[in-house]
Every structure is written in C-alpha cells, then in structure tokens.
Amino acid sequence: MNLTDQINAAWNWLTASAHWSGSDGIPHRLLEHLGYSVLALVIAAVIALPLGALVGHTGRGGFIVVSFANLARAVPTLGLLLLVVTVTSIGLTPVIIPLIALAMPPILVNTYEGIRGVDADIKDAAKGMGMKGPGVLLKAEIPVALPLILLGLRTAAIQVVATATIAAYAGIGGLGRYIVDGLARKDYPSVVGGSVLVVLLAVIVQVAFIGIRRAFVSPGLRGSSRTS
C-alpha cells in the first residue's frame, strides 16, 4: 500500500459513521483521553505551581528544583508506566502517575524561573506600597511572570495529551486504543487515524493556550516568555 492509499484508508476510517458512536467511538475515546490528560495536568499544577512560586519568591532551593526537573525529564514515561503497573495493577493509577511526572518539570521550572526573573525594581516598588511577602508574590511577581508560567502549563498540556496514548497499555481507554489495538490487529488505517486525532487534539490545546495568553496576559508582557 503506497502513501496515497494509506491516506485514503485513514480518511475513510475517520469519516466512517461506525467510528463516531458507541463505547469505541471517537467521541467516547476522546472524552476518555481528555479526562486522563486533564486530571494529570491539574494534579501536576496543584503541586508544581505553588512549589515553583515559593522557591522563586524566596530564592532558596532553586538548585533542587532544577535538578529534580532534569531528573524527572530523564525518566521514560512508558517505562515508568510498566513499573507502576507491575507494582500496583492495571487501571487508572499507573497511567496518571507517569503523566504527572511528565507534566511537573515544565510547570515547576517555568514558574520558578518566571518568579525569580522578575525585576528587582518591581519588587521594591511593591514593597514601597506597603505589600508584604505574600502580597508581593501575588500582586507583583506572579502577574509579571504569568507569560512564562503559562508557557510551562502549555508545554505540559501538549506533552500530556500526546503521551496519554499510553493509557491503552494499562488496559483503559483513550485515543491510544486505536493505535495500540490497530497495531495488534495490523489495522493500519486505525493506527494512522488515531495518530491524526492525537495530533489534532495537541494543536487544539496549543490554540487554546494562545487564547488564554491573550485574555490574561498584559500586551506589554506577551513577548517576555522563553522556551521551557
């Protein structure tokens, strides 16, 4: 089968009405995929955002934060999944733990770097207005660091959405079922179609964060973010 035939077969798979209904239909698998991704991202953000902000604000523990992030990035997500499955069991837990480990480094490092990089004059001005430590962090440092913080969240979200296909290896659903099951059955239109859906979802996440950035970041700060 040449490339044109593969594209046509994948398109026929994507547009077939049978694949848009039922428990194995695209809408149901998409909701499952989003559920795992959002849950992992929220848990990672709840842990990493306050920790990164605290370390960046106090200036203590930065080396530990960066070292932890680099260590976490070096851990293979699929390998961690298989390890957790071995220790626990098939199900949601072994999927969420590797996704949280994947999402935390960019959120943690970008939050830390964003807060730490706020100009000292801005902090001094906030203190001159009578703000104490928490007030300086919440009303001066975080708003200025927001572009970099959002960049970390966006990077984590895209990575999680793209990697949540591993849920299929743990015996649960998501878009990864089309890829894993398709490979097992040598159903290559399913593999390509599932891959296309994951890519499209990642693009939608990217566009959503562009909208969030425009809505919440001051125009004067939109050019201040760096690659996470």
Foldseek 3Di string as FASTA:
>chain_A
DDPVVLVVLLVCVLPDPVQCDDCNHPVNQAVVLVVLLVVLLVVLCVPQQVQLLVCLLVVPPLVVLLVLLVVLCPDDLLVQLVVVCVVPNQDSVSLSVSLNSQLNSLLNNLNNCQLNPFDPVQLVVQVVVVDDSVCCSPPGRCLLSVLSNLLSSLVSSLVSLLPSLCSVVSVDGHLVCLQVVCVVVVVSSSNVNSNVVSVVVNVVSVVVSVVVCVVRHDPVRNPPYDHD
